[in-house]
Amino acid sequence: MSPTQLSLRHLRAQGWLVDVCERWVPGQTGQVRRDLFGMLDLVAVRDTETLGVQTTSAGSVSSRKLKMTNNEHLPWLLDLKGAGWLVVIHGWRKSTRDGRACTHGKVRCACIWTLHRNENL
């Protein structure tokens, strides 16, 4: 299951109306994936709240945060926050039932996907 699918399931379980906002666009070497405003994979609404979500693996949260706060993306991030949006990064990892990281590397195992980092920007 992809991080995007995991975040969709997680947010819907919390009562959010959520949809994917990244898209495939023509690039120099074929189709490339493009995030909304260059940084968001999902947009969710609930009551009066709007949430923008970047989804990734737990180990990539720091690099996504750097990207979203760099000179290119920071003005858009500030505009979204100024409009009242919450912007978060969901970092997913496979964990054992007691919460430790899955280390055996099997494709099918008894480990579960957990939202390891929910970084609020």
PDB file of N, CA and C in Angstrom:
ATOM      1  N   MET A   1       0.849  -1.176   0.000  1.00  0.00           N
ATOM      2  CA  MET A   1       0.000   0.000   0.000  1.00  0.00           C
ATOM      3  C   MET A   1       0.896   1.240   0.000  1.00  0.00           C
ATOM      4  N   SER A   2       0.558   2.212  -0.824  1.00  0.00           N
ATOM      5  CA  SER A   2       1.389   3.418  -0.937  1.00  0.00           C
ATOM      6  C   SER A   2       1.107   4.387   0.210  1.00  0.00           C
ATOM      7  N   PRO A   3       2.049   5.307   0.480  1.00  0.00           N
ATOM      8  CA  PRO A   3       1.792   6.320   1.504  1.00  0.00           C
ATOM      9  C   PRO A   3       0.523   7.141   1.219  1.00  0.00           C
ATOM     10  N   THR A   4       0.260   7.428  -0.048  1.00  0.00           N
ATOM     11  CA  THR A   4      -0.952   8.171  -0.397  1.00  0.00           C
ATOM     12  C   THR A   4      -2.195   7.387  -0.012  1.00  0.00           C
ATOM     13  N   GLN A   5      -2.223   6.101  -0.328  1.00  0.00           N
ATOM     14  CA  GLN A   5      -3.374   5.265   0.029  1.00  0.00           C
ATOM     15  C   GLN A   5      -3.537   5.177   1.546  1.00  0.00           C
ATOM     16  N   LEU A   6      -2.421   5.065   2.261  1.00  0.00           N
ATOM     17  CA  LEU A   6      -2.479   5.003   3.726  1.00  0.00           C
ATOM     18  C   LEU A   6      -3.053   6.290   4.312  1.00  0.00           C
ATOM     19  N   SER A   7      -2.615   7.439   3.789  1.00  0.00           N
ATOM     20  CA  SER A   7      -3.130   8.714   4.292  1.00  0.00           C
ATOM     21  C   SER A   7      -4.602   8.902   3.939  1.00  0.00           C
ATOM     22  N   LEU A   8      -5.009   8.475   2.748  1.00  0.00           N
ATOM     23  CA  LEU A   8      -6.427   8.540   2.379  1.00  0.00           C
ATOM     24  C   LEU A   8      -7.270   7.766   3.381  1.00  0.00           C
ATOM     25  N   ARG A   9      -6.870   6.546   3.673  1.00  0.00           N
ATOM     26  CA  ARG A   9      -7.605   5.699   4.610  1.00  0.00           C
ATOM     27  C   ARG A   9      -7.624   6.321   6.014  1.00  0.00           C
ATOM     28  N   HIS A  10      -6.475   6.813   6.458  1.00  0.00           N
ATOM     29  CA  HIS A  10      -6.349   7.422   7.790  1.00  0.00           C
ATOM     30  C   HIS A  10      -7.261   8.643   7.930  1.00  0.00           C
ATOM     31  N   LEU A  11      -7.217   9.539   6.956  1.00  0.00           N
ATOM     32  CA  LEU A  11      -8.004  10.767   7.036  1.00  0.00           C
ATOM     33  C   LEU A  11      -9.505  10.491   6.925  1.00  0.00           C
ATOM     34  N   ARG A  12      -9.882   9.582   6.043  1.00  0.00           N
ATOM     35  CA  ARG A  12     -11.303   9.242   5.925  1.00  0.00           C
ATOM     36  C   ARG A  12     -11.831   8.643   7.220  1.00  0.00           C
ATOM     37  N   ALA A  13     -11.016   7.859   7.904  1.00  0.00           N
ATOM     38  CA  ALA A  13     -11.427   7.281   9.185  1.00  0.00           C
ATOM     39  C   ALA A  13     -11.624   8.371  10.245  1.00  0.00           C
ATOM     40  N   GLN A  14     -10.968   9.508  10.078  1.00  0.00           N
ATOM     41  CA  GLN A  14     -11.120  10.632  11.007  1.00  0.00           C
ATOM     42  C   GLN A  14     -12.220  11.599  10.590  1.00  0.00           C
ATOM     43  N   GLY A  15     -12.953  11.259   9.537  1.00  0.00           N
ATOM     44  CA  GLY A  15     -14.079  12.080   9.115  1.00  0.00           C
ATOM     45  C   GLY A  15     -13.773  13.152   8.097  1.00  0.00           C
ATOM     46  N   TRP A  16     -12.591  13.132   7.508  1.00  0.00           N
ATOM     47  CA  TRP A  16     -12.233  14.107   6.479  1.00  0.00           C
ATOM     48  C   TRP A  16     -12.808  13.672   5.129  1.00  0.00           C
ATOM     49  N   LEU A  17     -13.231  14.633   4.316  1.00  0.00           N
ATOM     50  CA  LEU A  17     -13.521  14.428   2.901  1.00  0.00           C
ATOM     51  C   LEU A  17     -12.208  14.719   2.199  1.00  0.00           C
ATOM     52  N   VAL A  18     -11.620  13.717   1.575  1.00  0.00           N
ATOM     53  CA  VAL A  18     -10.244  13.854   1.077  1.00  0.00           C
ATOM     54  C   VAL A  18     -10.139  13.317  -0.341  1.00  0.00           C
ATOM     55  N   ASP A  19      -9.268  13.943  -1.131  1.00  0.00           N
ATOM     56  CA  ASP A  19      -9.039  13.487  -2.497  1.00  0.00           C
ATOM     57  C   ASP A  19      -7.581  13.735  -2.882  1.00  0.00           C
ATOM     58  N   VAL A  20      -7.132  12.974  -3.858  1.00  0.00           N
ATOM     59  CA  VAL A  20      -5.772  13.093  -4.383  1.00  0.00           C
ATOM     60  C   VAL A  20      -5.711  14.308  -5.305  1.00  0.00           C
ATOM     61  N   CYS A  21      -4.671  15.128  -5.159  1.00  0.00           N
ATOM     62  CA  CYS A  21      -4.540  16.318  -6.001  1.00  0.00           C
ATOM     63  C   CYS A  21      -3.233  16.340  -6.781  1.00  0.00           C
ATOM     64  N   GLU A  22      -2.437  15.271  -6.688  1.00  0.00           N
ATOM     65  CA  GLU A  22      -1.260  15.199  -7.551  1.00  0.00           C
ATOM     66  C   GLU A  22      -1.725  14.645  -8.894  1.00  0.00           C
ATOM     67  N   ARG A  23      -0.999  14.963  -9.955  1.00  0.00           N
ATOM     68  CA  ARG A  23      -1.423  14.527 -11.281  1.00  0.00           C
ATOM     69  C   ARG A  23      -0.210  14.224 -12.154  1.00  0.00           C
ATOM     70  N   TRP A  24      -0.468  13.484 -13.204  1.00  0.00           N
ATOM     71  CA  TRP A  24       0.568  13.170 -14.184  1.00  0.00           C
ATOM     72  C   TRP A  24       0.497  14.199 -15.304  1.00  0.00           C
ATOM     73  N   VAL A  25       1.644  14.788 -15.643  1.00  0.00           N
ATOM     74  CA  VAL A  25       1.711  15.790 -16.708  1.00  0.00           C
ATOM     75  C   VAL A  25       2.837  15.409 -17.671  1.00  0.00           C
ATOM     76  N   PRO A  26       2.759  15.870 -18.928  1.00  0.00           N
ATOM     77  CA  PRO A  26       3.829  15.571 -19.885  1.00  0.00           C
ATOM     78  C   PRO A  26       5.149  16.203 -19.452  1.00  0.00           C
ATOM     79  N   GLY A  27       6.224  15.435 -19.573  1.00  0.00           N
ATOM     80  CA  GLY A  27       7.560  15.930 -19.268  1.00  0.00           C
ATOM     81  C   GLY A  27       8.490  15.662 -20.434  1.00  0.00           C
ATOM     82  N   GLN A  28       9.749  15.985 -20.293  1.00  0.00           N
ATOM     83  CA  GLN A  28      10.717  15.790 -21.371  1.00  0.00           C
ATOM     84  C   GLN A  28      10.953  14.316 -21.676  1.00  0.00           C
ATOM     85  N   THR A  29      10.827  13.474 -20.661  1.00  0.00           N
ATOM     86  CA  THR A  29      11.090  12.040 -20.855  1.00  0.00           C
ATOM     87  C   THR A  29       9.832  11.202 -20.654  1.00  0.00           C
ATOM     88  N   GLY A  30       8.661  11.789 -20.885  1.00  0.00           N
ATOM     89  CA  GLY A  30       7.407  11.074 -20.681  1.00  0.00           C
ATOM     90  C   GLY A  30       6.584  11.745 -19.594  1.00  0.00           C
ATOM     91  N   GLN A  31       5.714  10.990 -18.972  1.00  0.00           N
ATOM     92  CA  GLN A  31       4.846  11.521 -17.931  1.00  0.00           C
ATOM     93  C   GLN A  31       5.612  11.699 -16.615  1.00  0.00           C
ATOM     94  N   VAL A  32       5.364  12.808 -15.924  1.00  0.00           N
ATOM     95  CA  VAL A  32       5.958  13.054 -14.610  1.00  0.00           C
ATOM     96  C   VAL A  32       4.841  13.410 -13.639  1.00  0.00           C
ATOM     97  N   ARG A  33       5.037  13.084 -12.395  1.00  0.00           N
ATOM     98  CA  ARG A  33       4.050  13.376 -11.364  1.00  0.00           C
ATOM     99  C   ARG A  33       4.249  14.795 -10.850  1.00  0.00           C
ATOM    100  N   ARG A  34       3.146  15.523 -10.727  1.00  0.00           N
ATOM    101  CA  ARG A  34       3.230  16.900 -10.238  1.00  0.00           C
ATOM    102  C   ARG A  34       2.255  17.072  -9.081  1.00  0.00           C
ATOM    103  N   ASP A  35       2.779  17.553  -7.961  1.00  0.00           N
ATOM    104  CA  ASP A  35       1.971  17.802  -6.769  1.00  0.00           C
ATOM    105  C   ASP A  35       1.286  19.163  -6.880  1.00  0.00           C
ATOM    106  N   LEU A  36       0.173  19.331  -6.196  1.00  0.00           N
ATOM    107  CA  LEU A  36      -0.497  20.623  -6.140  1.00  0.00           C
ATOM    108  C   LEU A  36       0.437  21.634  -5.482  1.00  0.00           C
ATOM    109  N   PHE A  37       0.649  22.749  -6.127  1.00  0.00           N
ATOM    110  CA  PHE A  37       1.570  23.795  -5.666  1.00  0.00           C
ATOM    111  C   PHE A  37       2.988  23.256  -5.484  1.00  0.00           C
ATOM    112  N   GLY A  38       3.305  22.148  -6.133  1.00  0.00           N
ATOM    113  CA  GLY A  38       4.622  21.542  -6.049  1.00  0.00           C
ATOM    114  C   GLY A  38       4.920  20.849  -4.737  1.00  0.00           C
ATOM    115  N   MET A  39       3.879  20.676  -3.862  1.00  0.00           N
ATOM    116  CA  MET A  39       4.180  20.111  -2.548  1.00  0.00           C
ATOM    117  C   MET A  39       3.058  19.302  -1.905  1.00  0.00           C
ATOM    118  N   LEU A  40       1.856  19.274  -2.460  1.00  0.00           N
ATOM    119  CA  LEU A  40       0.750  18.584  -1.795  1.00  0.00           C
ATOM    120  C   LEU A  40       0.239  17.409  -2.625  1.00  0.00           C
ATOM    121  N   ASP A  41       0.027  16.284  -1.942  1.00  0.00           N
ATOM    122  CA  ASP A  41      -0.519  15.089  -2.581  1.00  0.00           C
ATOM    123  C   ASP A  41      -2.020  14.960  -2.366  1.00  0.00           C
ATOM    124  N   LEU A  42      -2.517  15.451  -1.233  1.00  0.00           N
ATOM    125  CA  LEU A  42      -3.924  15.321  -0.865  1.00  0.00           C
ATOM    126  C   LEU A  42      -4.464  16.646  -0.359  1.00  0.00           C
ATOM    127  N   VAL A  43      -5.745  16.877  -0.601  1.00  0.00           N
ATOM    128  CA  VAL A  43      -6.460  17.983   0.018  1.00  0.00           C
ATOM    129  C   VAL A  43      -7.662  17.384   0.721  1.00  0.00           C
ATOM    130  N   ALA A  44      -7.889  17.821   1.963  1.00  0.00           N
ATOM    131  CA  ALA A  44      -8.996  17.302   2.764  1.00  0.00           C
ATOM    132  C   ALA A  44      -9.756  18.456   3.401  1.00  0.00           C
ATOM    133  N   VAL A  45     -11.060  18.271   3.550  1.00  0.00           N
ATOM    134  CA  VAL A  45     -11.886  19.272   4.235  1.00  0.00           C
ATOM    135  C   VAL A  45     -12.742  18.559   5.281  1.00  0.00           C
ATOM    136  N   ARG A  46     -12.966  19.255   6.384  1.00  0.00           N
ATOM    137  CA  ARG A  46     -13.826  18.758   7.457  1.00  0.00           C
ATOM    138  C   ARG A  46     -14.342  19.969   8.211  1.00  0.00           C
ATOM    139  N   ASP A  47     -15.664  20.101   8.235  1.00  0.00           N
ATOM    140  CA  ASP A  47     -16.296  21.264   8.849  1.00  0.00           C
ATOM    141  C   ASP A  47     -15.704  22.540   8.246  1.00  0.00           C
ATOM    142  N   THR A  48     -15.035  23.354   9.033  1.00  0.00           N
ATOM    143  CA  THR A  48     -14.458  24.609   8.529  1.00  0.00           C
ATOM    144  C   THR A  48     -12.960  24.511   8.290  1.00  0.00           C
ATOM    145  N   GLU A  49     -12.409  23.295   8.339  1.00  0.00           N
ATOM    146  CA  GLU A  49     -10.960  23.108   8.194  1.00  0.00           C
ATOM    147  C   GLU A  49     -10.600  22.627   6.793  1.00  0.00           C
ATOM    148  N   THR A  50      -9.481  23.093   6.287  1.00  0.00           N
ATOM    149  CA  THR A  50      -8.906  22.593   5.037  1.00  0.00           C
ATOM    150  C   THR A  50      -7.491  22.139   5.342  1.00  0.00           C
ATOM    151  N   LEU A  51      -7.169  20.948   4.875  1.00  0.00           N
ATOM    152  CA  LEU A  51      -5.887  20.316   5.175  1.00  0.00           C
ATOM    153  C   LEU A  51      -5.169  19.961   3.886  1.00  0.00           C
ATOM    154  N   GLY A  52      -3.916  20.368   3.763  1.00  0.00           N
ATOM    155  CA  GLY A  52      -3.056  19.950   2.659  1.00  0.00           C
ATOM    156  C   GLY A  52      -2.051  18.946   3.200  1.00  0.00           C
ATOM    157  N   VAL A  53      -1.886  17.818   2.490  1.00  0.00           N
ATOM    158  CA  VAL A  53      -1.043  16.735   2.992  1.00  0.00           C
ATOM    159  C   VAL A  53      -0.006  16.321   1.954  1.00  0.00           C
ATOM    160  N   GLN A  54       1.238  16.230   2.381  1.00  0.00           N
ATOM    161  CA  GLN A  54       2.315  15.594   1.626  1.00  0.00           C
ATOM    162  C   GLN A  54       2.510  14.222   2.264  1.00  0.00           C
ATOM    163  N   THR A  55       2.458  13.157   1.478  1.00  0.00           N
ATOM    164  CA  THR A  55       2.628  11.814   2.022  1.00  0.00           C
ATOM    165  C   THR A  55       3.957  11.238   1.558  1.00  0.00           C
ATOM    166  N   THR A  56       4.604  10.488   2.453  1.00  0.00           N
ATOM    167  CA  THR A  56       5.909   9.926   2.144  1.00  0.00           C
ATOM    168  C   THR A  56       6.237   8.824   3.145  1.00  0.00           C
ATOM    169  N   SER A  57       7.397   8.233   2.997  1.00  0.00           N
ATOM    170  CA  SER A  57       7.871   7.284   4.001  1.00  0.00           C
ATOM    171  C   SER A  57       8.407   8.069   5.195  1.00  0.00           C
ATOM    172  N   ALA A  58       8.459   7.428   6.347  1.00  0.00           N
ATOM    173  CA  ALA A  58       8.905   8.114   7.567  1.00  0.00           C
ATOM    174  C   ALA A  58      10.316   8.668   7.420  1.00  0.00           C
ATOM    175  N   GLY A  59      11.172   7.949   6.710  1.00  0.00           N
ATOM    176  CA  GLY A  59      12.551   8.383   6.551  1.00  0.00           C
ATOM    177  C   GLY A  59      12.736   9.582   5.640  1.00  0.00           C
ATOM    178  N   SER A  60      11.695   9.957   4.885  1.00  0.00           N
ATOM    179  CA  SER A  60      11.804  11.070   3.938  1.00  0.00           C
ATOM    180  C   SER A  60      11.110  12.340   4.410  1.00  0.00           C
ATOM    181  N   VAL A  61      10.594  12.345   5.623  1.00  0.00           N
ATOM    182  CA  VAL A  61       9.867  13.517   6.130  1.00  0.00           C
ATOM    183  C   VAL A  61      10.760  14.748   6.147  1.00  0.00           C
ATOM    184  N   SER A  62      11.982  14.622   6.622  1.00  0.00           N
ATOM    185  CA  SER A  62      12.883  15.781   6.712  1.00  0.00           C
ATOM    186  C   SER A  62      13.158  16.397   5.353  1.00  0.00           C
ATOM    187  N   SER A  63      13.383  15.564   4.335  1.00  0.00           N
ATOM    188  CA  SER A  63      13.659  16.102   2.998  1.00  0.00           C
ATOM    189  C   SER A  63      12.426  16.773   2.412  1.00  0.00           C
ATOM    190  N   ARG A  64      11.245  16.235   2.685  1.00  0.00           N
ATOM    191  CA  ARG A  64      10.011  16.870   2.207  1.00  0.00           C
ATOM    192  C   ARG A  64       9.792  18.210   2.906  1.00  0.00           C
ATOM    193  N   LYS A  65      10.115  18.269   4.191  1.00  0.00           N
ATOM    194  CA  LYS A  65       9.973  19.524   4.934  1.00  0.00           C
ATOM    195  C   LYS A  65      10.916  20.583   4.370  1.00  0.00           C
ATOM    196  N   LEU A  66      12.159  20.194   4.075  1.00  0.00           N
ATOM    197  CA  LEU A  66      13.108  21.134   3.464  1.00  0.00           C
ATOM    198  C   LEU A  66      12.590  21.643   2.126  1.00  0.00           C
ATOM    199  N   LYS A  67      12.040  20.739   1.315  1.00  0.00           N
ATOM    200  CA  LYS A  67      11.512  21.125   0.008  1.00  0.00           C
ATOM    201  C   LYS A  67      10.352  22.107   0.159  1.00  0.00           C
ATOM    202  N   MET A  68       9.452  21.829   1.104  1.00  0.00           N
ATOM    203  CA  MET A  68       8.260  22.660   1.261  1.00  0.00           C
ATOM    204  C   MET A  68       8.565  24.022   1.858  1.00  0.00           C
ATOM    205  N   THR A  69       9.718  24.170   2.507  1.00  0.00           N
ATOM    206  CA  THR A  69      10.086  25.448   3.128  1.00  0.00           C
ATOM    207  C   THR A  69      11.244  26.137   2.399  1.00  0.00           C
ATOM    208  N   ASN A  70      11.610  25.628   1.213  1.00  0.00           N
ATOM    209  CA  ASN A  70      12.683  26.280   0.458  1.00  0.00           C
ATOM    210  C   ASN A  70      12.165  27.551  -0.209  1.00  0.00           C
ATOM    211  N   ASN A  71      13.053  28.305  -0.841  1.00  0.00           N
ATOM    212  CA  ASN A  71      12.681  29.598  -1.428  1.00  0.00           C
ATOM    213  C   ASN A  71      11.603  29.473  -2.500  1.00  0.00           C
ATOM    214  N   GLU A  72      11.579  28.366  -3.225  1.00  0.00           N
ATOM    215  CA  GLU A  72      10.594  28.188  -4.302  1.00  0.00           C
ATOM    216  C   GLU A  72       9.183  27.943  -3.750  1.00  0.00           C
ATOM    217  N   HIS A  73       9.073  27.116  -2.715  1.00  0.00           N
ATOM    218  CA  HIS A  73       7.761  26.703  -2.221  1.00  0.00           C
ATOM    219  C   HIS A  73       7.253  27.487  -1.011  1.00  0.00           C
ATOM    220  N   LEU A  74       8.139  28.139  -0.276  1.00  0.00           N
ATOM    221  CA  LEU A  74       7.735  28.832   0.944  1.00  0.00           C
ATOM    222  C   LEU A  74       6.647  29.884   0.715  1.00  0.00           C
ATOM    223  N   PRO A  75       6.710  30.703  -0.351  1.00  0.00           N
ATOM    224  CA  PRO A  75       5.621  31.676  -0.549  1.00  0.00           C
ATOM    225  C   PRO A  75       4.250  30.997  -0.686  1.00  0.00           C
ATOM    226  N   TRP A  76       4.195  29.867  -1.384  1.00  0.00           N
ATOM    227  CA  TRP A  76       2.922  29.150  -1.538  1.00  0.00           C
ATOM    228  C   TRP A  76       2.471  28.584  -0.200  1.00  0.00           C
ATOM    229  N   LEU A  77       3.412  28.037   0.568  1.00  0.00           N
ATOM    230  CA  LEU A  77       3.080  27.498   1.881  1.00  0.00           C
ATOM    231  C   LEU A  77       2.513  28.596   2.783  1.00  0.00           C
ATOM    232  N   LEU A  78       3.142  29.751   2.775  1.00  0.00           N
ATOM    233  CA  LEU A  78       2.667  30.868   3.590  1.00  0.00           C
ATOM    234  C   LEU A  78       1.297  31.362   3.132  1.00  0.00           C
ATOM    235  N   ASP A  79       1.058  31.375   1.813  1.00  0.00           N
ATOM    236  CA  ASP A  79      -0.257  31.759   1.296  1.00  0.00           C
ATOM    237  C   ASP A  79      -1.335  30.780   1.752  1.00  0.00           C
ATOM    238  N   LEU A  80      -1.040  29.482   1.694  1.00  0.00           N
ATOM    239  CA  LEU A  80      -2.008  28.475   2.138  1.00  0.00           C
ATOM    240  C   LEU A  80      -2.315  28.634   3.625  1.00  0.00           C
ATOM    241  N   LYS A  81      -1.278  28.815   4.416  1.00  0.00           N
ATOM    242  CA  LYS A  81      -1.481  28.984   5.849  1.00  0.00           C
ATOM    243  C   LYS A  81      -2.231  30.292   6.139  1.00  0.00           C
ATOM    244  N   GLY A  82      -1.942  31.328   5.364  1.00  0.00           N
ATOM    245  CA  GLY A  82      -2.659  32.595   5.515  1.00  0.00           C
ATOM    246  C   GLY A  82      -4.137  32.467   5.175  1.00  0.00           C
ATOM    247  N   ALA A  83      -4.461  31.536   4.289  1.00  0.00           N
ATOM    248  CA  ALA A  83      -5.856  31.276   3.924  1.00  0.00           C
ATOM    249  C   ALA A  83      -6.539  30.343   4.919  1.00  0.00           C
ATOM    250  N   GLY A  84      -5.805  29.962   5.972  1.00  0.00           N
ATOM    251  CA  GLY A  84      -6.398  29.129   7.018  1.00  0.00           C
ATOM    252  C   GLY A  84      -6.185  27.638   6.845  1.00  0.00           C
ATOM    253  N   TRP A  85      -5.401  27.229   5.860  1.00  0.00           N
ATOM    254  CA  TRP A  85      -5.133  25.809   5.647  1.00  0.00           C
ATOM    255  C   TRP A  85      -4.183  25.287   6.724  1.00  0.00           C
ATOM    256  N   LEU A  86      -4.372  24.038   7.112  1.00  0.00           N
ATOM    257  CA  LEU A  86      -3.379  23.291   7.872  1.00  0.00           C
ATOM    258  C   LEU A  86      -2.564  22.522   6.839  1.00  0.00           C
ATOM    259  N   VAL A  87      -1.267  22.515   6.976  1.00  0.00           N
ATOM    260  CA  VAL A  87      -0.405  21.780   6.051  1.00  0.00           C
ATOM    261  C   VAL A  87       0.444  20.820   6.865  1.00  0.00           C
ATOM    262  N   VAL A  88       0.398  19.535   6.508  1.00  0.00           N
ATOM    263  CA  VAL A  88       1.108  18.503   7.259  1.00  0.00           C
ATOM    264  C   VAL A  88       1.844  17.564   6.315  1.00  0.00           C
ATOM    265  N   ILE A  89       2.820  16.883   6.878  1.00  0.00           N
ATOM    266  CA  ILE A  89       3.517  15.808   6.176  1.00  0.00           C
ATOM    267  C   ILE A  89       3.239  14.525   6.931  1.00  0.00           C
ATOM    268  N   HIS A  90       2.714  13.527   6.242  1.00  0.00           N
ATOM    269  CA  HIS A  90       2.500  12.205   6.829  1.00  0.00           C
ATOM    270  C   HIS A  90       3.679  11.317   6.468  1.00  0.00           C
ATOM    271  N   GLY A  91       4.377  10.812   7.459  1.00  0.00           N
ATOM    272  CA  GLY A  91       5.498   9.892   7.249  1.00  0.00           C
ATOM    273  C   GLY A  91       5.119   8.503   7.736  1.00  0.00           C
ATOM    274  N   TRP A  92       5.027   7.548   6.827  1.00  0.00           N
ATOM    275  CA  TRP A  92       4.573   6.192   7.140  1.00  0.00           C
ATOM    276  C   TRP A  92       5.733   5.213   7.207  1.00  0.00           C
ATOM    277  N   ARG A  93       5.616   4.225   8.101  1.00  0.00           N
ATOM    278  CA  ARG A  93       6.576   3.130   8.146  1.00  0.00           C
ATOM    279  C   ARG A  93       5.871   1.873   8.625  1.00  0.00           C
ATOM    280  N   LYS A  94       6.451   0.748   8.257  1.00  0.00           N
ATOM    281  CA  LYS A  94       5.943  -0.535   8.729  1.00  0.00           C
ATOM    282  C   LYS A  94       6.498  -0.785  10.116  1.00  0.00           C
ATOM    283  N   SER A  95       5.623  -1.147  11.050  1.00  0.00           N
ATOM    284  CA  SER A  95       6.024  -1.352  12.434  1.00  0.00           C
ATOM    285  C   SER A  95       5.522  -2.686  12.952  1.00  0.00           C
ATOM    286  N   THR A  96       6.252  -3.212  13.914  1.00  0.00           N
ATOM    287  CA  THR A  96       5.796  -4.408  14.610  1.00  0.00           C
ATOM    288  C   THR A  96       4.626  -4.017  15.505  1.00  0.00           C
ATOM    289  N   ARG A  97       3.945  -4.990  16.049  1.00  0.00           N
ATOM    290  CA  ARG A  97       2.771  -4.714  16.887  1.00  0.00           C
ATOM    291  C   ARG A  97       3.115  -3.897  18.139  1.00  0.00           C
ATOM    292  N   ASP A  98       4.373  -3.946  18.577  1.00  0.00           N
ATOM    293  CA  ASP A  98       4.756  -3.170  19.760  1.00  0.00           C
ATOM    294  C   ASP A  98       5.346  -1.800  19.390  1.00  0.00           C
ATOM    295  N   GLY A  99       5.243  -1.413  18.112  1.00  0.00           N
ATOM    296  CA  GLY A  99       5.631  -0.073  17.696  1.00  0.00           C
ATOM    297  C   GLY A  99       7.034   0.095  17.173  1.00  0.00           C
ATOM    298  N   ARG A 100       7.858  -0.963  17.212  1.00  0.00           N
ATOM    299  CA  ARG A 100       9.220  -0.840  16.680  1.00  0.00           C
ATOM    300  C   ARG A 100       9.204  -0.975  15.161  1.00  0.00           C
ATOM    301  N   ALA A 101      10.202  -0.411  14.526  1.00  0.00           N
ATOM    302  CA  ALA A 101      10.291  -0.475  13.073  1.00  0.00           C
ATOM    303  C   ALA A 101      10.455  -1.919  12.606  1.00  0.00           C
ATOM    304  N   CYS A 102       9.786  -2.251  11.527  1.00  0.00           N
ATOM    305  CA  CYS A 102       9.910  -3.569  10.900  1.00  0.00           C
ATOM    306  C   CYS A 102      11.307  -3.664  10.287  1.00  0.00           C
ATOM    307  N   THR A 103      12.058  -4.710  10.658  1.00  0.00           N
ATOM    308  CA  THR A 103      13.437  -4.817  10.177  1.00  0.00           C
ATOM    309  C   THR A 103      13.691  -6.054   9.334  1.00  0.00           C
ATOM    310  N   HIS A 104      12.722  -6.938   9.206  1.00  0.00           N
ATOM    311  CA  HIS A 104      12.992  -8.189   8.496  1.00  0.00           C
ATOM    312  C   HIS A 104      12.849  -8.076   6.992  1.00  0.00           C
ATOM    313  N   GLY A 105      12.250  -7.021   6.483  1.00  0.00           N
ATOM    314  CA  GLY A 105      12.220  -6.754   5.058  1.00  0.00           C
ATOM    315  C   GLY A 105      11.339  -7.658   4.222  1.00  0.00           C
ATOM    316  N   LYS A 106      10.486  -8.428   4.826  1.00  0.00           N
ATOM    317  CA  LYS A 106       9.590  -9.297   4.060  1.00  0.00           C
ATOM    318  C   LYS A 106       8.463  -8.463   3.450  1.00  0.00           C
ATOM    319  N   VAL A 107       8.060  -8.843   2.233  1.00  0.00           N
ATOM    320  CA  VAL A 107       6.967  -8.137   1.578  1.00  0.00           C
ATOM    321  C   VAL A 107       5.670  -8.361   2.346  1.00  0.00           C
ATOM    322  N   ARG A 108       5.404  -9.592   2.700  1.00  0.00           N
ATOM    323  CA  ARG A 108       4.196  -9.926   3.468  1.00  0.00           C
ATOM    324  C   ARG A 108       4.631 -10.377   4.856  1.00  0.00           C
ATOM    325  N   CYS A 109       4.194  -9.640   5.846  1.00  0.00           N
ATOM    326  CA  CYS A 109       4.572  -9.965   7.219  1.00  0.00           C
ATOM    327  C   CYS A 109       3.436  -9.549   8.146  1.00  0.00           C
ATOM    328  N   ALA A 110       3.615  -9.781   9.405  1.00  0.00           N
ATOM    329  CA  ALA A 110       2.576  -9.439  10.380  1.00  0.00           C
ATOM    330  C   ALA A 110       2.671  -7.989  10.835  1.00  0.00           C
ATOM    331  N   CYS A 111       3.614  -7.236  10.290  1.00  0.00           N
ATOM    332  CA  CYS A 111       3.774  -5.836  10.679  1.00  0.00           C
ATOM    333  C   CYS A 111       2.640  -4.993  10.101  1.00  0.00           C
ATOM    334  N   ILE A 112       2.431  -3.829  10.709  1.00  0.00           N
ATOM    335  CA  ILE A 112       1.366  -2.938  10.274  1.00  0.00           C
ATOM    336  C   ILE A 112       1.964  -1.589   9.881  1.00  0.00           C
ATOM    337  N   TRP A 113       1.264  -0.890   8.978  1.00  0.00           N
ATOM    338  CA  TRP A 113       1.683   0.458   8.609  1.00  0.00           C
ATOM    339  C   TRP A 113       1.237   1.425   9.690  1.00  0.00           C
ATOM    340  N   THR A 114       2.144   2.269  10.148  1.00  0.00           N
ATOM    341  CA  THR A 114       1.808   3.261  11.163  1.00  0.00           C
ATOM    342  C   THR A 114       2.218   4.652  10.690  1.00  0.00           C
ATOM    343  N   LEU A 115       1.419   5.617  11.091  1.00  0.00           N
ATOM    344  CA  LEU A 115       1.758   7.015  10.823  1.00  0.00           C
ATOM    345  C   LEU A 115       2.803   7.388  11.858  1.00  0.00           C
ATOM    346  N   HIS A 116       4.044   7.303  11.442  1.00  0.00           N
ATOM    347  CA  HIS A 116       5.163   7.490  12.366  1.00  0.00           C
ATOM    348  C   HIS A 116       5.410   8.963  12.661  1.00  0.00           C
ATOM    349  N   ARG A 117       5.264   9.808  11.638  1.00  0.00           N
ATOM    350  CA  ARG A 117       5.483  11.241  11.835  1.00  0.00           C
ATOM    351  C   ARG A 117       4.361  12.012  11.168  1.00  0.00           C
ATOM    352  N   ASN A 118       3.757  12.911  11.928  1.00  0.00           N
ATOM    353  CA  ASN A 118       2.727  13.797  11.415  1.00  0.00           C
ATOM    354  C   ASN A 118       3.245  15.218  11.641  1.00  0.00           C
ATOM    355  N   GLU A 119       4.048  15.675  10.724  1.00  0.00           N
ATOM    356  CA  GLU A 119       4.768  16.952  10.856  1.00  0.00           C
ATOM    357  C   GLU A 119       3.867  18.104  10.431  1.00  0.00           C
ATOM    358  N   ASN A 120       3.566  18.994  11.351  1.00  0.00           N
ATOM    359  CA  ASN A 120       2.718  20.160  11.062  1.00  0.00           C
ATOM    360  C   ASN A 120       3.618  21.324  10.676  1.00  0.00           C
ATOM    361  N   LEU A 121       3.370  21.919   9.528  1.00  0.00           N
ATOM    362  CA  LEU A 121       4.180  23.056   9.075  1.00  0.00           C
ATOM    363  C   LEU A 121       3.515  24.380   9.399  1.00  0.00           C
TER     364      LEU A 121
END
